[in-house]
């Protein structure tokens, strides 16, 4: 696996005032949305994957820009 996201991968990242929300979207593709919690973002990503029948890697980008691969279990 790559150590950085590919264009079709999904990235979750903190957004909003003081990182109070979580944004989710493909690196160079579709934006999935902005959510009140990380759990809500993960649920939306799972639903997006089922709808699109496409299961790319999912990454989390910390507020410092550090990337780590996530599991959605």
PDB file of N, CA and C in Angstrom:
ATOM      1  N   UNK A   1       0.841  -1.188   0.000  1.00  0.00           N
ATOM      2  CA  UNK A   1       0.000   0.000   0.000  1.00  0.00           C
ATOM      3  C   UNK A   1       0.882   1.246   0.000  1.00  0.00           C
ATOM      4  N   UNK A   2       0.428   2.257  -0.695  1.00  0.00           N
ATOM      5  CA  UNK A   2       1.148   3.542  -0.715  1.00  0.00           C
ATOM      6  C   UNK A   2       1.190   4.144   0.682  1.00  0.00           C
ATOM      7  N   UNK A   3       2.164   4.967   0.921  1.00  0.00           N
ATOM      8  CA  UNK A   3       2.282   5.663   2.204  1.00  0.00           C
ATOM      9  C   UNK A   3       1.673   7.063   2.134  1.00  0.00           C
ATOM     10  N   UNK A   4       1.028   7.348   1.025  1.00  0.00           N
ATOM     11  CA  UNK A   4       0.293   8.605   0.870  1.00  0.00           C
ATOM     12  C   UNK A   4      -0.927   8.308  -0.007  1.00  0.00           C
ATOM     13  N   UNK A   5      -1.976   9.093   0.146  1.00  0.00           N
ATOM     14  CA  UNK A   5      -3.202   8.817  -0.614  1.00  0.00           C
ATOM     15  C   UNK A   5      -3.047   9.015  -2.122  1.00  0.00           C
ATOM     16  N   UNK A   6      -3.723   8.163  -2.875  1.00  0.00           N
ATOM     17  CA  UNK A   6      -3.825   8.298  -4.330  1.00  0.00           C
ATOM     18  C   UNK A   6      -5.028   9.193  -4.634  1.00  0.00           C
ATOM     19  N   UNK A   7      -5.145   9.638  -5.880  1.00  0.00           N
ATOM     20  CA  UNK A   7      -6.217  10.557  -6.268  1.00  0.00           C
ATOM     21  C   UNK A   7      -7.613  10.034  -5.953  1.00  0.00           C
ATOM     22  N   UNK A   8      -7.835   8.721  -6.076  1.00  0.00           N
ATOM     23  CA  UNK A   8      -9.185   8.184  -5.859  1.00  0.00           C
ATOM     24  C   UNK A   8      -9.449   7.818  -4.399  1.00  0.00           C
ATOM     25  N   UNK A   9      -8.436   7.881  -3.532  1.00  0.00           N
ATOM     26  CA  UNK A   9      -8.623   7.563  -2.120  1.00  0.00           C
ATOM     27  C   UNK A   9      -9.467   8.637  -1.436  1.00  0.00           C
ATOM     28  N   UNK A  10     -10.002   8.281  -0.282  1.00  0.00           N
ATOM     29  CA  UNK A  10     -10.830   9.196   0.505  1.00  0.00           C
ATOM     30  C   UNK A  10     -10.024   9.675   1.706  1.00  0.00           C
ATOM     31  N   UNK A  11     -10.154  10.962   2.016  1.00  0.00           N
ATOM     32  CA  UNK A  11      -9.459  11.550   3.165  1.00  0.00           C
ATOM     33  C   UNK A  11     -10.491  12.204   4.085  1.00  0.00           C
ATOM     34  N   UNK A  12     -10.383  11.879   5.372  1.00  0.00           N
ATOM     35  CA  UNK A  12     -11.152  12.550   6.402  1.00  0.00           C
ATOM     36  C   UNK A  12     -10.211  13.519   7.092  1.00  0.00           C
ATOM     37  N   UNK A  13     -10.696  14.712   7.380  1.00  0.00           N
ATOM     38  CA  UNK A  13      -9.841  15.694   8.042  1.00  0.00           C
ATOM     39  C   UNK A  13     -10.682  16.626   8.900  1.00  0.00           C
ATOM     40  N   UNK A  14     -10.091  17.137   9.993  1.00  0.00           N
ATOM     41  CA  UNK A  14     -10.812  18.081  10.832  1.00  0.00           C
ATOM     42  C   UNK A  14     -11.040  19.392  10.079  1.00  0.00           C
ATOM     43  N   UNK A  15     -12.176  19.996  10.328  1.00  0.00           N
ATOM     44  CA  UNK A  15     -12.493  21.289   9.710  1.00  0.00           C
ATOM     45  C   UNK A  15     -13.409  22.053  10.654  1.00  0.00           C
ATOM     46  N   UNK A  16     -13.791  23.232  10.271  1.00  0.00           N
ATOM     47  CA  UNK A  16     -14.668  24.044  11.110  1.00  0.00           C
ATOM     48  C   UNK A  16     -13.892  24.701  12.238  1.00  0.00           C
ATOM     49  N   UNK A  17     -14.600  25.430  13.092  1.00  0.00           N
ATOM     50  CA  UNK A  17     -13.940  26.120  14.202  1.00  0.00           C
ATOM     51  C   UNK A  17     -13.215  25.136  15.119  1.00  0.00           C
ATOM     52  N   UNK A  18     -11.921  25.318  15.268  1.00  0.00           N
ATOM     53  CA  UNK A  18     -11.077  24.482  16.125  1.00  0.00           C
ATOM     54  C   UNK A  18     -11.218  22.994  15.815  1.00  0.00           C
ATOM     55  N   UNK A  19     -11.450  22.653  14.546  1.00  0.00           N
ATOM     56  CA  UNK A  19     -11.542  21.250  14.139  1.00  0.00           C
ATOM     57  C   UNK A  19     -12.749  20.538  14.697  1.00  0.00           C
ATOM     58  N   UNK A  20     -13.826  21.278  14.931  1.00  0.00           N
ATOM     59  CA  UNK A  20     -15.009  20.704  15.563  1.00  0.00           C
ATOM     60  C   UNK A  20     -15.848  19.832  14.627  1.00  0.00           C
ATOM     61  N   UNK A  21     -15.531  19.816  13.350  1.00  0.00           N
ATOM     62  CA  UNK A  21     -16.272  19.017  12.376  1.00  0.00           C
ATOM     63  C   UNK A  21     -15.286  18.164  11.587  1.00  0.00           C
ATOM     64  N   UNK A  22     -15.795  17.237  10.794  1.00  0.00           N
ATOM     65  CA  UNK A  22     -14.942  16.368   9.977  1.00  0.00           C
ATOM     66  C   UNK A  22     -15.397  16.437   8.532  1.00  0.00           C
ATOM     67  N   UNK A  23     -14.464  16.682   7.636  1.00  0.00           N
ATOM     68  CA  UNK A  23     -14.721  16.732   6.203  1.00  0.00           C
ATOM     69  C   UNK A  23     -14.293  15.403   5.589  1.00  0.00           C
ATOM     70  N   UNK A  24     -15.011  14.966   4.550  1.00  0.00           N
ATOM     71  CA  UNK A  24     -14.665  13.719   3.866  1.00  0.00           C
ATOM     72  C   UNK A  24     -14.811  13.910   2.367  1.00  0.00           C
ATOM     73  N   UNK A  25     -13.837  13.411   1.622  1.00  0.00           N
ATOM     74  CA  UNK A  25     -13.916  13.480   0.169  1.00  0.00           C
ATOM     75  C   UNK A  25     -12.728  12.784  -0.476  1.00  0.00           C
ATOM     76  N   UNK A  26     -12.863  12.531  -1.767  1.00  0.00           N
ATOM     77  CA  UNK A  26     -11.760  11.945  -2.509  1.00  0.00           C
ATOM     78  C   UNK A  26     -10.665  12.985  -2.693  1.00  0.00           C
ATOM     79  N   UNK A  27      -9.434  12.519  -2.808  1.00  0.00           N
ATOM     80  CA  UNK A  27      -8.294  13.418  -2.977  1.00  0.00           C
ATOM     81  C   UNK A  27      -8.492  14.301  -4.206  1.00  0.00           C
ATOM     82  N   UNK A  28      -8.809  13.696  -5.344  1.00  0.00           N
ATOM     83  CA  UNK A  28      -8.980  14.470  -6.584  1.00  0.00           C
ATOM     84  C   UNK A  28     -10.303  14.088  -7.242  1.00  0.00           C
ATOM     85  N   UNK A  29     -11.339  14.042  -6.435  1.00  0.00           N
ATOM     86  CA  UNK A  29     -12.638  13.640  -6.965  1.00  0.00           C
ATOM     87  C   UNK A  29     -13.779  14.242  -6.188  1.00  0.00           C
ATOM     88  N   UNK A  30     -14.731  13.413  -5.883  1.00  0.00           N
ATOM     89  CA  UNK A  30     -15.990  13.841  -5.273  1.00  0.00           C
ATOM     90  C   UNK A  30     -15.830  14.202  -3.802  1.00  0.00           C
ATOM     91  N   UNK A  31     -16.447  15.322  -3.423  1.00  0.00           N
ATOM     92  CA  UNK A  31     -16.510  15.709  -2.017  1.00  0.00           C
ATOM     93  C   UNK A  31     -17.728  15.031  -1.428  1.00  0.00           C
ATOM     94  N   UNK A  32     -17.562  14.338  -0.311  1.00  0.00           N
ATOM     95  CA  UNK A  32     -18.671  13.597   0.298  1.00  0.00           C
ATOM     96  C   UNK A  32     -19.447  14.483   1.255  1.00  0.00           C
ATOM     97  N   UNK A  33     -18.767  15.304   2.028  1.00  0.00           N
ATOM     98  CA  UNK A  33     -19.483  16.233   2.903  1.00  0.00           C
ATOM     99  C   UNK A  33     -18.696  16.636   4.128  1.00  0.00           C
ATOM    100  N   UNK A  34     -19.367  17.436   4.966  1.00  0.00           N
ATOM    101  CA  UNK A  34     -18.824  17.905   6.233  1.00  0.00           C
ATOM    102  C   UNK A  34     -19.785  17.445   7.316  1.00  0.00           C
ATOM    103  N   UNK A  35     -19.246  16.875   8.395  1.00  0.00           N
ATOM    104  CA  UNK A  35     -20.074  16.202   9.386  1.00  0.00           C
ATOM    105  C   UNK A  35     -19.741  16.662  10.806  1.00  0.00           C
ATOM    106  N   UNK A  36     -20.722  16.525  11.708  1.00  0.00           N
ATOM    107  CA  UNK A  36     -20.553  16.961  13.094  1.00  0.00           C
ATOM    108  C   UNK A  36     -19.570  16.096  13.875  1.00  0.00           C
ATOM    109  N   UNK A  37     -19.435  14.823  13.486  1.00  0.00           N
ATOM    110  CA  UNK A  37     -18.528  13.913  14.185  1.00  0.00           C
ATOM    111  C   UNK A  37     -17.765  13.055  13.170  1.00  0.00           C
ATOM    112  N   UNK A  38     -16.659  12.497  13.627  1.00  0.00           N
ATOM    113  CA  UNK A  38     -15.909  11.575  12.776  1.00  0.00           C
ATOM    114  C   UNK A  38     -16.730  10.326  12.511  1.00  0.00           C
ATOM    115  N   UNK A  39     -17.491   9.851  13.500  1.00  0.00           N
ATOM    116  CA  UNK A  39     -18.348   8.674  13.301  1.00  0.00           C
ATOM    117  C   UNK A  39     -19.379   8.925  12.204  1.00  0.00           C
ATOM    118  N   UNK A  40     -19.949  10.115  12.171  1.00  0.00           N
ATOM    119  CA  UNK A  40     -20.922  10.452  11.122  1.00  0.00           C
ATOM    120  C   UNK A  40     -20.236  10.487   9.756  1.00  0.00           C
ATOM    121  N   UNK A  41     -19.008  10.987   9.706  1.00  0.00           N
ATOM    122  CA  UNK A  41     -18.249  11.016   8.449  1.00  0.00           C
ATOM    123  C   UNK A  41     -17.955   9.595   7.977  1.00  0.00           C
ATOM    124  N   UNK A  42     -17.576   8.721   8.893  1.00  0.00           N
ATOM    125  CA  UNK A  42     -17.292   7.324   8.542  1.00  0.00           C
ATOM    126  C   UNK A  42     -18.548   6.648   8.011  1.00  0.00           C
ATOM    127  N   UNK A  43     -19.689   6.886   8.642  1.00  0.00           N
ATOM    128  CA  UNK A  43     -20.953   6.311   8.160  1.00  0.00           C
ATOM    129  C   UNK A  43     -21.270   6.799   6.748  1.00  0.00           C
ATOM    130  N   UNK A  44     -21.040   8.077   6.493  1.00  0.00           N
ATOM    131  CA  UNK A  44     -21.296   8.636   5.164  1.00  0.00           C
ATOM    132  C   UNK A  44     -20.335   8.044   4.132  1.00  0.00           C
ATOM    133  N   UNK A  45     -19.085   7.837   4.512  1.00  0.00           N
ATOM    134  CA  UNK A  45     -18.104   7.237   3.597  1.00  0.00           C
ATOM    135  C   UNK A  45     -18.518   5.809   3.262  1.00  0.00           C
ATOM    136  N   UNK A  46     -18.943   5.037   4.269  1.00  0.00           N
ATOM    137  CA  UNK A  46     -19.405   3.669   4.018  1.00  0.00           C
ATOM    138  C   UNK A  46     -20.590   3.662   3.060  1.00  0.00           C
ATOM    139  N   UNK A  47     -21.532   4.563   3.261  1.00  0.00           N
ATOM    140  CA  UNK A  47     -22.707   4.649   2.383  1.00  0.00           C
ATOM    141  C   UNK A  47     -22.283   5.050   0.970  1.00  0.00           C
ATOM    142  N   UNK A  48     -21.350   5.989   0.852  1.00  0.00           N
ATOM    143  CA  UNK A  48     -20.837   6.417  -0.454  1.00  0.00           C
ATOM    144  C   UNK A  48     -20.199   5.238  -1.179  1.00  0.00           C
ATOM    145  N   UNK A  49     -19.415   4.450  -0.452  1.00  0.00           N
ATOM    146  CA  UNK A  49     -18.753   3.284  -1.045  1.00  0.00           C
ATOM    147  C   UNK A  49     -19.786   2.275  -1.568  1.00  0.00           C
ATOM    148  N   UNK A  50     -20.804   2.008  -0.778  1.00  0.00           N
ATOM    149  CA  UNK A  50     -21.851   1.066  -1.205  1.00  0.00           C
ATOM    150  C   UNK A  50     -22.587   1.590  -2.434  1.00  0.00           C
ATOM    151  N   UNK A  51     -22.931   2.853  -2.431  1.00  0.00           N
ATOM    152  CA  UNK A  51     -23.643   3.458  -3.557  1.00  0.00           C
ATOM    153  C   UNK A  51     -22.812   3.401  -4.833  1.00  0.00           C
ATOM    154  N   UNK A  52     -21.529   3.683  -4.707  1.00  0.00           N
ATOM    155  CA  UNK A  52     -20.641   3.735  -5.872  1.00  0.00           C
ATOM    156  C   UNK A  52     -19.990   2.395  -6.209  1.00  0.00           C
ATOM    157  N   UNK A  53     -20.198   1.400  -5.340  1.00  0.00           N
ATOM    158  CA  UNK A  53     -19.569   0.081  -5.536  1.00  0.00           C
ATOM    159  C   UNK A  53     -18.069   0.225  -5.775  1.00  0.00           C
ATOM    160  N   UNK A  54     -17.452   1.038  -4.936  1.00  0.00           N
ATOM    161  CA  UNK A  54     -16.027   1.354  -5.047  1.00  0.00           C
ATOM    162  C   UNK A  54     -15.484   1.508  -3.632  1.00  0.00           C
ATOM    163  N   UNK A  55     -14.405   0.798  -3.307  1.00  0.00           N
ATOM    164  CA  UNK A  55     -13.872   0.772  -1.959  1.00  0.00           C
ATOM    165  C   UNK A  55     -12.402   1.189  -1.931  1.00  0.00           C
ATOM    166  N   UNK A  56     -12.144   2.489  -2.077  1.00  0.00           N
ATOM    167  CA  UNK A  56     -10.752   2.967  -2.027  1.00  0.00           C
ATOM    168  C   UNK A  56     -10.228   2.968  -0.591  1.00  0.00           C
ATOM    169  N   UNK A  57      -8.942   3.189  -0.450  1.00  0.00           N
ATOM    170  CA  UNK A  57      -8.355   3.351   0.881  1.00  0.00           C
ATOM    171  C   UNK A  57      -8.917   4.626   1.512  1.00  0.00           C
ATOM    172  N   UNK A  58      -9.015   4.605   2.842  1.00  0.00           N
ATOM    173  CA  UNK A  58      -9.499   5.769   3.580  1.00  0.00           C
ATOM    174  C   UNK A  58      -8.377   6.233   4.505  1.00  0.00           C
ATOM    175  N   UNK A  59      -8.094   7.515   4.459  1.00  0.00           N
ATOM    176  CA  UNK A  59      -7.021   8.120   5.224  1.00  0.00           C
ATOM    177  C   UNK A  59      -7.579   9.157   6.190  1.00  0.00           C
ATOM    178  N   UNK A  60      -6.856   9.388   7.276  1.00  0.00           N
ATOM    179  CA  UNK A  60      -7.178  10.488   8.187  1.00  0.00           C
ATOM    180  C   UNK A  60      -6.008  11.454   8.164  1.00  0.00           C
ATOM    181  N   UNK A  61      -6.315  12.720   7.946  1.00  0.00           N
ATOM    182  CA  UNK A  61      -5.301  13.776   7.958  1.00  0.00           C
ATOM    183  C   UNK A  61      -5.473  14.563   9.254  1.00  0.00           C
ATOM    184  N   UNK A  62      -4.481  14.517  10.124  1.00  0.00           N
ATOM    185  CA  UNK A  62      -4.583  15.234  11.401  1.00  0.00           C
ATOM    186  C   UNK A  62      -4.530  16.740  11.170  1.00  0.00           C
ATOM    187  N   UNK A  63      -4.805  17.487  12.212  1.00  0.00           N
ATOM    188  CA  UNK A  63      -4.755  18.944  12.103  1.00  0.00           C
ATOM    189  C   UNK A  63      -3.328  19.455  11.873  1.00  0.00           C
ATOM    190  N   UNK A  64      -2.344  18.561  11.975  1.00  0.00           N
ATOM    191  CA  UNK A  64      -0.954  18.918  11.691  1.00  0.00           C
ATOM    192  C   UNK A  64      -0.511  18.414  10.311  1.00  0.00           C
ATOM    193  N   UNK A  65      -1.430  17.794   9.579  1.00  0.00           N
ATOM    194  CA  UNK A  65      -1.109  17.325   8.229  1.00  0.00           C
ATOM    195  C   UNK A  65      -0.555  15.923   8.154  1.00  0.00           C
ATOM    196  N   UNK A  66      -0.517  15.208   9.271  1.00  0.00           N
ATOM    197  CA  UNK A  66      -0.033  13.821   9.268  1.00  0.00           C
ATOM    198  C   UNK A  66      -1.112  12.892   8.710  1.00  0.00           C
ATOM    199  N   UNK A  67      -0.728  12.021   7.779  1.00  0.00           N
ATOM    200  CA  UNK A  67      -1.671  11.108   7.144  1.00  0.00           C
ATOM    201  C   UNK A  67      -1.509   9.707   7.727  1.00  0.00           C
ATOM    202  N   UNK A  68      -2.648   9.052   8.006  1.00  0.00           N
ATOM    203  CA  UNK A  68      -2.612   7.668   8.449  1.00  0.00           C
ATOM    204  C   UNK A  68      -3.798   6.935   7.834  1.00  0.00           C
ATOM    205  N   UNK A  69      -3.567   5.663   7.491  1.00  0.00           N
ATOM    206  CA  UNK A  69      -4.614   4.837   6.900  1.00  0.00           C
ATOM    207  C   UNK A  69      -5.611   4.463   7.992  1.00  0.00           C
ATOM    208  N   UNK A  70      -6.896   4.507   7.644  1.00  0.00           N
ATOM    209  CA  UNK A  70      -7.953   4.145   8.582  1.00  0.00           C
ATOM    210  C   UNK A  70      -8.573   2.810   8.194  1.00  0.00           C
ATOM    211  N   UNK A  71      -9.111   2.123   9.173  1.00  0.00           N
ATOM    212  CA  UNK A  71      -9.978   0.978   8.904  1.00  0.00           C
ATOM    213  C   UNK A  71     -11.373   1.432   9.322  1.00  0.00           C
ATOM    214  N   UNK A  72     -12.370   1.008   8.592  1.00  0.00           N
ATOM    215  CA  UNK A  72     -13.744   1.455   8.864  1.00  0.00           C
ATOM    216  C   UNK A  72     -14.534   0.415   9.659  1.00  0.00           C
ATOM    217  N   UNK A  73     -13.864  -0.463  10.331  1.00  0.00           N
ATOM    218  CA  UNK A  73     -14.514  -1.517  11.134  1.00  0.00           C
ATOM    219  C   UNK A  73     -15.064  -0.943  12.403  1.00  0.00           C
TER     220      UNK A  73
END
